Amino acid sequence: MENFDRKKHWENIYQTKQPNEVSWYEPTPETSLDFINQFNVPTTAKIIDIGGGDSFLVDHLLRKGYQDITVLDISETAIGKAKKRLGKQAEKVKWVVTDVAKFQSTEPYDFWHDRAAFHFLTDEQEISSYLETAQRSIKPTGILVIGTFSEQGPTKCSGIEIKQYSENSMIERLKNIFDKIKCITLDHKTPFGTIQNFVFCSFKKIQIT
């Protein structure tokens, strides 16, 4: 899409929609929380939520006592909504407004979480940049969790095209830098009653000896 202004697009979405008027609305992000529980991520871990926007994951993490949370989103409006919702609690969170394809991390993370941001990257250079940043930013013992639309899921979201993944294509795309731990598929029911099929995969870094 030539001359597509991704930031302007998402600012407009968050300026004109209420939380329950977007397809990704999820008051309790059970799948994401399940992965965190499965890996016994300690409350002292450095966690980053990619494309977290005004997602409710940060609310649940704070409630569970997590002390080092970063939320990254391209939309300043989305992050502003999350801050307003959290009130004083927002001061406990690090907020980063940037396009993840251009993100340059300065911190090492124990847990990198991405629910439905990665699939918006359709340009090969941007996908490679994202994965290189993740590889650099995740600690040797850290975990990467990515959730995307599956090959049975939508081909567009919020009016723009996405890149679908299967378990195999996700593993293939990451195989040189990450080893798969576990993949699952699941149906997300939107506020509009439609069903979106997702694939979620967890990975660990390949250890170079």
N, C-alpha and C. Protein backbone atom coordinates (compact mmCIF):
# COMPACT_ATOMS: atom_id res chain seq x y z
N MET A 1 0.84 -1.18 0.00
CA MET A 1 0.00 0.00 0.00
C MET A 1 0.89 1.24 0.00
N GLU A 2 0.92 1.96 -1.10
CA GLU A 2 1.82 3.09 -1.23
C GLU A 2 1.35 4.25 -0.35
N ASN A 3 2.36 4.91 0.25
CA ASN A 3 2.11 6.11 1.05
C ASN A 3 1.11 5.87 2.19
N PHE A 4 1.05 4.64 2.67
CA PHE A 4 0.15 4.34 3.77
C PHE A 4 0.77 4.80 5.08
N ASP A 5 0.07 5.65 5.79
CA ASP A 5 0.55 6.17 7.06
C ASP A 5 -0.02 5.31 8.19
N ARG A 6 0.77 4.34 8.64
CA ARG A 6 0.29 3.36 9.62
C ARG A 6 -0.05 4.03 10.96
N LYS A 7 0.80 4.96 11.38
CA LYS A 7 0.54 5.63 12.65
C LYS A 7 -0.77 6.42 12.59
N LYS A 8 -0.97 7.18 11.51
CA LYS A 8 -2.19 7.98 11.37
C LYS A 8 -3.42 7.08 11.38
N HIS A 9 -3.30 5.92 10.70
CA HIS A 9 -4.42 4.97 10.65
C HIS A 9 -4.82 4.52 12.05
N TRP A 10 -3.83 4.14 12.87
CA TRP A 10 -4.15 3.62 14.20
C TRP A 10 -4.57 4.72 15.16
N GLU A 11 -4.02 5.90 15.01
CA GLU A 11 -4.49 7.01 15.84
C GLU A 11 -5.98 7.26 15.57
N ASN A 12 -6.36 7.20 14.31
CA ASN A 12 -7.76 7.42 13.95
C ASN A 12 -8.66 6.33 14.54
N ILE A 13 -8.20 5.08 14.47
CA ILE A 13 -8.98 3.97 15.03
C ILE A 13 -9.26 4.22 16.52
N TYR A 14 -8.21 4.53 17.26
CA TYR A 14 -8.37 4.69 18.71
C TYR A 14 -9.06 5.99 19.10
N GLN A 15 -9.03 6.98 18.23
CA GLN A 15 -9.72 8.23 18.51
C GLN A 15 -11.23 8.12 18.27
N THR A 16 -11.62 7.17 17.42
CA THR A 16 -13.03 7.09 17.01
C THR A 16 -13.76 5.85 17.54
N LYS A 17 -13.03 4.91 18.16
CA LYS A 17 -13.66 3.68 18.63
C LYS A 17 -13.54 3.54 20.15
N GLN A 18 -14.59 3.01 20.75
CA GLN A 18 -14.55 2.63 22.15
C GLN A 18 -13.87 1.26 22.27
N PRO A 19 -13.35 0.91 23.45
CA PRO A 19 -12.65 -0.38 23.60
C PRO A 19 -13.45 -1.58 23.09
N ASN A 20 -14.78 -1.59 23.36
CA ASN A 20 -15.58 -2.75 22.94
C ASN A 20 -16.12 -2.62 21.52
N GLU A 21 -15.60 -1.64 20.78
CA GLU A 21 -15.99 -1.46 19.37
C GLU A 21 -14.90 -1.91 18.41
N VAL A 22 -13.87 -2.58 18.95
CA VAL A 22 -12.81 -3.12 18.10
C VAL A 22 -12.78 -4.64 18.25
N SER A 23 -12.38 -5.31 17.20
CA SER A 23 -12.50 -6.78 17.16
C SER A 23 -11.60 -7.47 18.19
N TRP A 24 -10.50 -6.82 18.57
CA TRP A 24 -9.54 -7.48 19.46
C TRP A 24 -9.87 -7.29 20.94
N TYR A 25 -10.99 -6.65 21.24
CA TYR A 25 -11.40 -6.41 22.63
C TYR A 25 -11.44 -7.72 23.40
N GLU A 26 -10.80 -7.73 24.56
CA GLU A 26 -10.69 -8.95 25.35
C GLU A 26 -10.50 -8.55 26.82
N PRO A 27 -11.58 -8.44 27.59
CA PRO A 27 -11.46 -7.97 28.98
C PRO A 27 -10.49 -8.80 29.82
N THR A 28 -10.50 -10.12 29.58
CA THR A 28 -9.55 -11.00 30.28
C THR A 28 -8.76 -11.77 29.22
N PRO A 29 -7.51 -11.40 28.98
CA PRO A 29 -6.70 -12.07 27.95
C PRO A 29 -6.20 -13.43 28.43
N GLU A 30 -7.12 -14.39 28.45
CA GLU A 30 -6.84 -15.69 29.08
C GLU A 30 -5.67 -16.42 28.44
N THR A 31 -5.59 -16.41 27.11
CA THR A 31 -4.51 -17.14 26.43
C THR A 31 -3.15 -16.57 26.81
N SER A 32 -3.04 -15.25 26.79
CA SER A 32 -1.78 -14.60 27.15
C SER A 32 -1.41 -14.91 28.60
N LEU A 33 -2.37 -14.82 29.48
CA LEU A 33 -2.12 -15.11 30.90
C LEU A 33 -1.75 -16.57 31.11
N ASP A 34 -2.36 -17.46 30.31
CA ASP A 34 -2.03 -18.89 30.41
C ASP A 34 -0.56 -19.14 30.07
N PHE A 35 -0.07 -18.47 29.01
CA PHE A 35 1.34 -18.65 28.64
C PHE A 35 2.25 -18.16 29.77
N ILE A 36 1.91 -17.03 30.37
CA ILE A 36 2.72 -16.49 31.47
C ILE A 36 2.72 -17.47 32.64
N ASN A 37 1.57 -18.06 32.92
CA ASN A 37 1.49 -19.04 34.01
C ASN A 37 2.27 -20.31 33.69
N GLN A 38 2.14 -20.77 32.44
CA GLN A 38 2.81 -22.02 32.03
C GLN A 38 4.33 -21.92 32.18
N PHE A 39 4.86 -20.74 31.91
CA PHE A 39 6.31 -20.57 32.00
C PHE A 39 6.77 -20.07 33.36
N ASN A 40 5.83 -20.00 34.29
CA ASN A 40 6.15 -19.57 35.65
C ASN A 40 6.97 -18.28 35.65
N VAL A 41 6.51 -17.31 34.87
CA VAL A 41 7.23 -16.05 34.75
C VAL A 41 7.16 -15.34 36.11
N PRO A 42 8.31 -15.09 36.74
CA PRO A 42 8.29 -14.47 38.08
C PRO A 42 7.84 -13.01 38.01
N THR A 43 7.35 -12.51 39.13
CA THR A 43 6.83 -11.14 39.17
C THR A 43 7.95 -10.10 39.00
N THR A 44 9.20 -10.53 39.13
CA THR A 44 10.34 -9.62 38.93
C THR A 44 10.80 -9.59 37.47
N ALA A 45 10.20 -10.42 36.62
CA ALA A 45 10.63 -10.52 35.22
C ALA A 45 10.36 -9.22 34.45
N LYS A 46 11.22 -8.96 33.47
CA LYS A 46 10.99 -7.84 32.56
C LYS A 46 10.08 -8.32 31.43
N ILE A 47 8.88 -7.75 31.36
CA ILE A 47 7.88 -8.15 30.37
C ILE A 47 7.61 -6.99 29.43
N ILE A 48 7.55 -7.26 28.12
CA ILE A 48 7.13 -6.24 27.16
C ILE A 48 5.93 -6.76 26.38
N ASP A 49 4.92 -5.91 26.27
CA ASP A 49 3.71 -6.24 25.51
C ASP A 49 3.73 -5.41 24.22
N ILE A 50 3.97 -6.09 23.11
CA ILE A 50 4.10 -5.42 21.81
C ILE A 50 2.70 -5.17 21.22
N GLY A 51 2.44 -3.93 20.83
CA GLY A 51 1.12 -3.60 20.32
C GLY A 51 0.08 -3.63 21.41
N GLY A 52 0.52 -3.39 22.66
CA GLY A 52 -0.37 -3.51 23.81
C GLY A 52 -1.49 -2.48 23.82
N GLY A 53 -1.24 -1.31 23.25
CA GLY A 53 -2.28 -0.29 23.14
C GLY A 53 -3.07 -0.12 24.41
N ASP A 54 -4.40 -0.20 24.29
CA ASP A 54 -5.22 -0.15 25.51
C ASP A 54 -5.72 -1.54 25.89
N SER A 55 -4.90 -2.56 25.57
CA SER A 55 -5.19 -3.94 25.99
C SER A 55 -5.27 -4.02 27.51
N PHE A 56 -6.03 -5.00 27.98
CA PHE A 56 -6.22 -5.18 29.42
C PHE A 56 -5.16 -6.11 30.03
N LEU A 57 -4.20 -6.58 29.24
CA LEU A 57 -3.18 -7.47 29.79
C LEU A 57 -2.40 -6.77 30.91
N VAL A 58 -2.05 -5.50 30.68
CA VAL A 58 -1.27 -4.78 31.69
C VAL A 58 -2.04 -4.68 33.01
N ASP A 59 -3.36 -4.51 32.96
CA ASP A 59 -4.17 -4.45 34.19
C ASP A 59 -4.00 -5.73 35.00
N HIS A 60 -4.09 -6.85 34.30
CA HIS A 60 -4.01 -8.15 34.97
C HIS A 60 -2.61 -8.39 35.51
N LEU A 61 -1.59 -7.98 34.78
CA LEU A 61 -0.21 -8.16 35.24
C LEU A 61 0.06 -7.34 36.50
N LEU A 62 -0.42 -6.12 36.51
CA LEU A 62 -0.25 -5.28 37.70
C LEU A 62 -0.97 -5.90 38.90
N ARG A 63 -2.15 -6.43 38.63
CA ARG A 63 -2.94 -7.05 39.70
C ARG A 63 -2.21 -8.27 40.28
N LYS A 64 -1.46 -8.94 39.41
CA LYS A 64 -0.72 -10.13 39.85
C LYS A 64 0.61 -9.77 40.50
N GLY A 65 0.94 -8.48 40.51
CA GLY A 65 2.16 -8.06 41.21
C GLY A 65 3.39 -7.92 40.35
N TYR A 66 3.24 -7.96 39.03
CA TYR A 66 4.41 -7.79 38.16
C TYR A 66 4.93 -6.37 38.27
N GLN A 67 6.25 -6.24 38.35
CA GLN A 67 6.88 -4.98 38.73
C GLN A 67 7.62 -4.29 37.59
N ASP A 68 7.85 -4.99 36.47
CA ASP A 68 8.66 -4.41 35.40
C ASP A 68 7.98 -4.68 34.05
N ILE A 69 6.99 -3.85 33.74
CA ILE A 69 6.17 -4.04 32.54
C ILE A 69 6.39 -2.88 31.58
N THR A 70 6.62 -3.21 30.31
CA THR A 70 6.69 -2.21 29.24
C THR A 70 5.56 -2.48 28.26
N VAL A 71 4.83 -1.43 27.89
CA VAL A 71 3.78 -1.55 26.87
C VAL A 71 4.19 -0.68 25.69
N LEU A 72 4.26 -1.29 24.52
CA LEU A 72 4.64 -0.59 23.29
C LEU A 72 3.46 -0.55 22.34
N ASP A 73 3.22 0.62 21.75
CA ASP A 73 2.19 0.73 20.73
C ASP A 73 2.50 1.90 19.81
N ILE A 74 2.07 1.79 18.57
CA ILE A 74 2.27 2.86 17.60
C ILE A 74 1.37 4.06 17.89
N SER A 75 0.27 3.82 18.60
CA SER A 75 -0.73 4.85 18.83
C SER A 75 -0.59 5.51 20.20
N GLU A 76 -0.31 6.78 20.21
CA GLU A 76 -0.26 7.54 21.45
C GLU A 76 -1.65 7.61 22.10
N THR A 77 -2.68 7.65 21.26
CA THR A 77 -4.05 7.69 21.77
C THR A 77 -4.39 6.42 22.54
N ALA A 78 -3.99 5.27 21.99
CA ALA A 78 -4.26 3.99 22.65
C ALA A 78 -3.58 3.94 24.01
N ILE A 79 -2.33 4.34 24.06
CA ILE A 79 -1.59 4.32 25.32
C ILE A 79 -2.19 5.34 26.29
N GLY A 80 -2.63 6.47 25.77
CA GLY A 80 -3.29 7.47 26.62
C GLY A 80 -4.54 6.92 27.28
N LYS A 81 -5.30 6.12 26.53
CA LYS A 81 -6.51 5.50 27.08
C LYS A 81 -6.15 4.52 28.21
N ALA A 82 -5.10 3.73 27.98
CA ALA A 82 -4.68 2.76 29.00
C ALA A 82 -4.22 3.49 30.27
N LYS A 83 -3.46 4.55 30.09
CA LYS A 83 -2.99 5.33 31.25
C LYS A 83 -4.16 5.89 32.05
N LYS A 84 -5.13 6.44 31.33
CA LYS A 84 -6.30 7.02 32.00
C LYS A 84 -7.06 5.95 32.77
N ARG A 85 -7.21 4.77 32.17
CA ARG A 85 -7.93 3.68 32.82
C ARG A 85 -7.21 3.22 34.10
N LEU A 86 -5.89 3.18 34.04
CA LEU A 86 -5.10 2.67 35.16
C LEU A 86 -4.90 3.69 36.27
N GLY A 87 -5.03 4.96 35.94
CA GLY A 87 -4.83 5.99 36.95
C GLY A 87 -3.41 5.99 37.49
N LYS A 88 -3.28 6.03 38.82
CA LYS A 88 -1.96 6.07 39.46
C LYS A 88 -1.13 4.83 39.13
N GLN A 89 -1.81 3.72 38.88
CA GLN A 89 -1.11 2.47 38.55
C GLN A 89 -0.27 2.61 37.29
N ALA A 90 -0.66 3.51 36.41
CA ALA A 90 0.06 3.71 35.14
C ALA A 90 1.50 4.13 35.37
N GLU A 91 1.77 4.73 36.52
CA GLU A 91 3.13 5.18 36.82
C GLU A 91 4.08 4.01 37.04
N LYS A 92 3.53 2.82 37.26
CA LYS A 92 4.36 1.63 37.47
C LYS A 92 4.77 0.98 36.14
N VAL A 93 4.25 1.50 35.03
CA VAL A 93 4.47 0.89 33.71
C VAL A 93 5.36 1.80 32.85
N LYS A 94 6.21 1.18 32.03
CA LYS A 94 6.99 1.94 31.05
C LYS A 94 6.19 1.95 29.74
N TRP A 95 5.95 3.12 29.20
CA TRP A 95 5.14 3.26 27.99
C TRP A 95 6.03 3.70 26.84
N VAL A 96 5.93 3.00 25.72
CA VAL A 96 6.75 3.31 24.54
C VAL A 96 5.83 3.52 23.34
N VAL A 97 5.85 4.73 22.77
CA VAL A 97 5.06 5.03 21.57
C VAL A 97 5.99 4.97 20.38
N THR A 98 5.88 3.90 19.59
CA THR A 98 6.70 3.75 18.39
C THR A 98 6.12 2.65 17.51
N ASP A 99 6.53 2.63 16.28
CA ASP A 99 6.21 1.54 15.35
C ASP A 99 7.16 0.39 15.67
N VAL A 100 6.64 -0.77 15.96
CA VAL A 100 7.50 -1.89 16.37
C VAL A 100 8.51 -2.25 15.29
N ALA A 101 8.20 -1.97 14.03
CA ALA A 101 9.14 -2.26 12.94
C ALA A 101 10.37 -1.37 13.04
N LYS A 102 10.27 -0.28 13.81
CA LYS A 102 11.40 0.65 13.96
C LYS A 102 11.92 0.67 15.40
N PHE A 103 11.40 -0.20 16.22
CA PHE A 103 11.73 -0.22 17.64
C PHE A 103 13.18 -0.61 17.87
N GLN A 104 13.87 0.19 18.68
CA GLN A 104 15.24 -0.12 19.08
C GLN A 104 15.25 -0.26 20.60
N SER A 105 15.29 -1.48 21.05
CA SER A 105 15.22 -1.74 22.49
C SER A 105 16.55 -1.42 23.17
N THR A 106 16.45 -0.90 24.39
CA THR A 106 17.65 -0.65 25.19
C THR A 106 17.68 -1.56 26.42
N GLU A 107 16.67 -2.41 26.55
CA GLU A 107 16.59 -3.30 27.71
C GLU A 107 16.47 -4.76 27.28
N PRO A 108 16.99 -5.67 28.09
CA PRO A 108 16.80 -7.10 27.81
C PRO A 108 15.52 -7.59 28.51
N TYR A 109 14.72 -8.38 27.80
CA TYR A 109 13.43 -8.82 28.34
C TYR A 109 13.42 -10.33 28.62
N ASP A 110 12.68 -10.67 29.66
CA ASP A 110 12.48 -12.09 29.99
C ASP A 110 11.29 -12.67 29.22
N PHE A 111 10.33 -11.81 28.91
CA PHE A 111 9.10 -12.29 28.26
C PHE A 111 8.62 -11.24 27.27
N TRP A 112 8.62 -11.61 25.99
CA TRP A 112 8.18 -10.74 24.89
C TRP A 112 6.83 -11.26 24.42
N HIS A 113 5.80 -10.44 24.57
CA HIS A 113 4.44 -10.86 24.25
C HIS A 113 3.88 -10.02 23.12
N ASP A 114 3.27 -10.67 22.15
CA ASP A 114 2.69 -9.96 21.00
C ASP A 114 1.41 -10.68 20.59
N ARG A 115 0.29 -10.06 20.91
CA ARG A 115 -0.99 -10.59 20.44
C ARG A 115 -1.51 -9.68 19.34
N ALA A 116 -1.35 -10.13 18.09
CA ALA A 116 -1.96 -9.47 16.94
C ALA A 116 -1.31 -8.15 16.51
N ALA A 117 0.01 -8.03 16.75
CA ALA A 117 0.74 -6.90 16.15
C ALA A 117 1.59 -7.40 14.98
N PHE A 118 2.25 -8.54 15.19
CA PHE A 118 3.18 -9.08 14.19
C PHE A 118 2.51 -9.28 12.84
N HIS A 119 1.25 -9.72 12.83
CA HIS A 119 0.62 -10.04 11.53
C HIS A 119 0.30 -8.80 10.70
N PHE A 120 0.44 -7.60 11.29
CA PHE A 120 0.25 -6.38 10.49
C PHE A 120 1.50 -6.03 9.68
N LEU A 121 2.60 -6.70 9.97
CA LEU A 121 3.82 -6.46 9.20
C LEU A 121 3.80 -7.38 7.98
N THR A 122 3.65 -6.79 6.82
CA THR A 122 3.57 -7.59 5.59
C THR A 122 4.79 -7.39 4.69
N ASP A 123 5.61 -6.41 5.00
CA ASP A 123 6.82 -6.13 4.23
C ASP A 123 7.97 -6.96 4.81
N GLU A 124 8.70 -7.64 3.94
CA GLU A 124 9.74 -8.56 4.39
C GLU A 124 10.81 -7.85 5.23
N GLN A 125 11.16 -6.65 4.84
CA GLN A 125 12.17 -5.90 5.59
C GLN A 125 11.70 -5.58 7.00
N GLU A 126 10.42 -5.23 7.13
CA GLU A 126 9.87 -4.92 8.45
C GLU A 126 9.78 -6.17 9.33
N ILE A 127 9.40 -7.29 8.71
CA ILE A 127 9.32 -8.55 9.46
C ILE A 127 10.71 -8.93 9.97
N SER A 128 11.71 -8.82 9.11
CA SER A 128 13.09 -9.15 9.51
C SER A 128 13.58 -8.23 10.62
N SER A 129 13.26 -6.94 10.50
CA SER A 129 13.67 -5.96 11.51
C SER A 129 13.04 -6.30 12.87
N TYR A 130 11.76 -6.64 12.85
CA TYR A 130 11.05 -7.04 14.08
C TYR A 130 11.76 -8.23 14.73
N LEU A 131 12.02 -9.27 13.95
CA LEU A 131 12.60 -10.48 14.51
C LEU A 131 14.03 -10.27 15.00
N GLU A 132 14.79 -9.43 14.29
CA GLU A 132 16.15 -9.11 14.74
C GLU A 132 16.11 -8.36 16.06
N THR A 133 15.16 -7.44 16.20
CA THR A 133 15.02 -6.70 17.45
C THR A 133 14.63 -7.64 18.58
N ALA A 134 13.69 -8.55 18.30
CA ALA A 134 13.29 -9.53 19.32
C ALA A 134 14.47 -10.39 19.74
N GLN A 135 15.25 -10.84 18.77
CA GLN A 135 16.41 -11.68 19.08
C GLN A 135 17.41 -10.94 19.97
N ARG A 136 17.65 -9.68 19.64
CA ARG A 136 18.60 -8.88 20.42
C ARG A 136 18.05 -8.56 21.82
N SER A 137 16.74 -8.39 21.91
CA SER A 137 16.14 -7.86 23.13
C SER A 137 15.76 -8.92 24.15
N ILE A 138 15.60 -10.15 23.72
CA ILE A 138 15.18 -11.21 24.64
C ILE A 138 16.41 -11.86 25.26
N LYS A 139 16.38 -12.02 26.57
CA LYS A 139 17.50 -12.63 27.29
C LYS A 139 17.72 -14.06 26.80
N PRO A 140 18.91 -14.61 27.00
CA PRO A 140 19.19 -15.99 26.56
C PRO A 140 18.18 -17.01 27.10
N THR A 141 17.65 -16.74 28.28
CA THR A 141 16.68 -17.67 28.88
C THR A 141 15.24 -17.17 28.70
N GLY A 142 15.06 -16.11 27.92
CA GLY A 142 13.75 -15.49 27.77
C GLY A 142 12.81 -16.24 26.83
N ILE A 143 11.57 -15.79 26.84
CA ILE A 143 10.50 -16.43 26.06
C ILE A 143 9.87 -15.41 25.13
N LEU A 144 9.55 -15.86 23.91
CA LEU A 144 8.81 -15.07 22.93
C LEU A 144 7.47 -15.73 22.69
N VAL A 145 6.39 -14.96 22.81
CA VAL A 145 5.05 -15.47 22.49
C VAL A 145 4.42 -14.55 21.46
N ILE A 146 4.03 -15.12 20.33
CA ILE A 146 3.39 -14.35 19.25
C ILE A 146 2.05 -14.99 18.90
N GLY A 147 1.00 -14.16 18.85
CA GLY A 147 -0.31 -14.61 18.40
C GLY A 147 -0.69 -13.86 17.14
N THR A 148 -1.06 -14.58 16.09
CA THR A 148 -1.45 -13.97 14.81
C THR A 148 -2.71 -14.64 14.28
N PHE A 149 -3.31 -14.00 13.29
CA PHE A 149 -4.40 -14.67 12.58
C PHE A 149 -3.84 -15.90 11.88
N SER A 150 -4.59 -17.01 11.97
CA SER A 150 -4.18 -18.24 11.31
C SER A 150 -4.60 -18.22 9.84
N GLU A 151 -4.30 -19.27 9.14
CA GLU A 151 -4.69 -19.37 7.73
C GLU A 151 -6.20 -19.56 7.58
N GLN A 152 -6.88 -19.83 8.68
CA GLN A 152 -8.35 -19.91 8.68
C GLN A 152 -8.96 -18.62 9.23
N GLY A 153 -8.11 -17.67 9.57
CA GLY A 153 -8.58 -16.42 10.14
C GLY A 153 -8.80 -15.35 9.08
N PRO A 154 -9.08 -14.11 9.51
CA PRO A 154 -9.31 -13.01 8.57
C PRO A 154 -8.06 -12.70 7.73
N THR A 155 -8.30 -12.09 6.59
CA THR A 155 -7.19 -11.62 5.74
C THR A 155 -6.97 -10.13 5.90
N LYS A 156 -7.92 -9.48 6.58
CA LYS A 156 -7.79 -8.05 6.86
C LYS A 156 -8.25 -7.78 8.29
N CYS A 157 -7.78 -6.67 8.84
CA CYS A 157 -8.25 -6.22 10.14
C CYS A 157 -8.18 -4.71 10.17
N SER A 158 -9.25 -4.08 10.64
CA SER A 158 -9.32 -2.62 10.70
C SER A 158 -9.04 -1.98 9.35
N GLY A 159 -9.48 -2.66 8.29
CA GLY A 159 -9.38 -2.10 6.95
C GLY A 159 -8.05 -2.27 6.27
N ILE A 160 -7.09 -2.94 6.90
CA ILE A 160 -5.80 -3.14 6.25
C ILE A 160 -5.44 -4.63 6.20
N GLU A 161 -4.64 -4.99 5.22
CA GLU A 161 -4.27 -6.39 5.02
C GLU A 161 -3.30 -6.85 6.09
N ILE A 162 -3.39 -8.12 6.42
CA ILE A 162 -2.48 -8.72 7.39
C ILE A 162 -1.80 -9.92 6.72
N LYS A 163 -0.85 -10.51 7.43
CA LYS A 163 -0.18 -11.72 6.95
C LYS A 163 -0.60 -12.88 7.83
N GLN A 164 -1.24 -13.86 7.25
CA GLN A 164 -1.68 -15.03 8.00
C GLN A 164 -0.50 -15.98 8.24
N TYR A 165 -0.60 -16.73 9.33
CA TYR A 165 0.42 -17.73 9.63
C TYR A 165 -0.23 -19.04 10.05
N SER A 166 0.46 -20.13 9.76
CA SER A 166 0.12 -21.43 10.33
C SER A 166 1.22 -21.76 11.33
N GLU A 167 1.03 -22.82 12.07
CA GLU A 167 2.11 -23.26 12.97
C GLU A 167 3.40 -23.48 12.19
N ASN A 168 3.28 -24.16 11.05
CA ASN A 168 4.47 -24.48 10.26
C ASN A 168 5.14 -23.24 9.68
N SER A 169 4.33 -22.30 9.16
CA SER A 169 4.94 -21.11 8.55
C SER A 169 5.56 -20.20 9.61
N MET A 170 4.97 -20.19 10.81
CA MET A 170 5.56 -19.41 11.90
C MET A 170 6.91 -20.00 12.30
N ILE A 171 6.95 -21.32 12.46
CA ILE A 171 8.19 -21.99 12.83
C ILE A 171 9.25 -21.77 11.75
N GLU A 172 8.85 -21.89 10.50
CA GLU A 172 9.78 -21.70 9.38
C GLU A 172 10.35 -20.29 9.36
N ARG A 173 9.50 -19.31 9.65
CA ARG A 173 9.94 -17.91 9.59
C ARG A 173 10.93 -17.58 10.69
N LEU A 174 10.81 -18.25 11.82
CA LEU A 174 11.66 -17.93 12.97
C LEU A 174 12.80 -18.93 13.19
N LYS A 175 12.89 -19.95 12.35
CA LYS A 175 13.72 -21.12 12.66
C LYS A 175 15.21 -20.83 12.83
N ASN A 176 15.71 -19.76 12.23
CA ASN A 176 17.14 -19.48 12.33
C ASN A 176 17.54 -18.81 13.64
N ILE A 177 16.55 -18.29 14.36
CA ILE A 177 16.86 -17.56 15.59
C ILE A 177 16.08 -18.04 16.82
N PHE A 178 14.96 -18.74 16.59
CA PHE A 178 14.16 -19.21 17.71
C PHE A 178 13.72 -20.66 17.50
N ASP A 179 13.66 -21.41 18.61
CA ASP A 179 13.12 -22.77 18.60
C ASP A 179 11.70 -22.75 19.16
N LYS A 180 10.81 -23.47 18.49
CA LYS A 180 9.43 -23.55 18.98
C LYS A 180 9.37 -24.32 20.29
N ILE A 181 8.54 -23.82 21.19
CA ILE A 181 8.22 -24.57 22.41
C ILE A 181 6.84 -25.21 22.24
N LYS A 182 5.86 -24.36 21.89
CA LYS A 182 4.48 -24.86 21.82
C LYS A 182 3.66 -23.94 20.92
N CYS A 183 2.75 -24.52 20.14
CA CYS A 183 1.80 -23.74 19.35
C CYS A 183 0.38 -24.23 19.62
N ILE A 184 -0.56 -23.30 19.64
CA ILE A 184 -1.96 -23.66 19.78
C ILE A 184 -2.78 -22.82 18.79
N THR A 185 -3.94 -23.32 18.42
CA THR A 185 -4.89 -22.51 17.65
C THR A 185 -6.13 -22.32 18.51
N LEU A 186 -6.77 -21.18 18.33
CA LEU A 186 -7.97 -20.91 19.12
C LEU A 186 -8.86 -19.93 18.39
N ASP A 187 -10.12 -19.93 18.79
CA ASP A 187 -11.10 -19.01 18.23
C ASP A 187 -11.34 -17.86 19.20
N HIS A 188 -11.22 -16.67 18.68
CA HIS A 188 -11.54 -15.47 19.47
C HIS A 188 -12.89 -14.94 19.01
N LYS A 189 -13.79 -14.79 19.97
CA LYS A 189 -15.10 -14.23 19.64
C LYS A 189 -15.06 -12.73 19.82
N THR A 190 -15.34 -11.99 18.75
CA THR A 190 -15.29 -10.53 18.78
C THR A 190 -16.54 -9.97 19.46
N PRO A 191 -16.53 -8.68 19.82
CA PRO A 191 -17.73 -8.07 20.40
C PRO A 191 -18.92 -8.08 19.45
N PHE A 192 -18.65 -8.31 18.16
CA PHE A 192 -19.73 -8.32 17.16
C PHE A 192 -20.28 -9.71 16.92
N GLY A 193 -19.76 -10.71 17.67
CA GLY A 193 -20.27 -12.07 17.55
C GLY A 193 -19.60 -12.90 16.47
N THR A 194 -18.61 -12.34 15.76
CA THR A 194 -17.88 -13.09 14.75
C THR A 194 -16.72 -13.85 15.40
N ILE A 195 -16.21 -14.84 14.67
CA ILE A 195 -15.13 -15.67 15.19
C ILE A 195 -13.87 -15.44 14.37
N GLN A 196 -12.76 -15.24 15.06
CA GLN A 196 -11.45 -15.09 14.41
C GLN A 196 -10.54 -16.20 14.90
N ASN A 197 -9.96 -16.93 13.97
CA ASN A 197 -9.06 -18.03 14.34
C ASN A 197 -7.62 -17.53 14.43
N PHE A 198 -7.00 -17.82 15.57
CA PHE A 198 -5.62 -17.39 15.84
C PHE A 198 -4.70 -18.60 15.97
N VAL A 199 -3.42 -18.38 15.70
CA VAL A 199 -2.38 -19.32 16.09
C VAL A 199 -1.44 -18.58 17.03
N PHE A 200 -1.20 -19.19 18.19
CA PHE A 200 -0.27 -18.65 19.18
C PHE A 200 0.91 -19.61 19.29
N CYS A 201 2.12 -19.07 19.22
CA CYS A 201 3.31 -19.91 19.36
C CYS A 201 4.26 -19.30 20.38
N SER A 202 4.85 -20.16 21.17
CA SER A 202 5.91 -19.72 22.10
C SER A 202 7.25 -20.26 21.61
N PHE A 203 8.29 -19.47 21.84
CA PHE A 203 9.63 -19.81 21.36
C PHE A 203 10.68 -19.48 22.42
N LYS A 204 11.82 -20.15 22.30
CA LYS A 204 13.00 -19.79 23.07
C LYS A 204 14.13 -19.50 22.08
N LYS A 205 15.10 -18.73 22.50
CA LYS A 205 16.20 -18.37 21.62
C LYS A 205 17.09 -19.59 21.35
N ILE A 206 17.56 -19.66 20.12
CA ILE A 206 18.55 -20.69 19.80
C ILE A 206 19.87 -20.29 20.45
N GLN A 207 20.42 -21.19 21.22
CA GLN A 207 21.69 -20.90 21.90
C GLN A 207 22.86 -21.24 20.98
N ILE A 208 23.66 -20.22 20.71
CA ILE A 208 24.82 -20.42 19.85
C ILE A 208 26.00 -20.83 20.70
N THR A 209 26.56 -22.00 20.37
CA THR A 209 27.67 -22.53 21.18
C THR A 209 28.97 -22.38 20.44
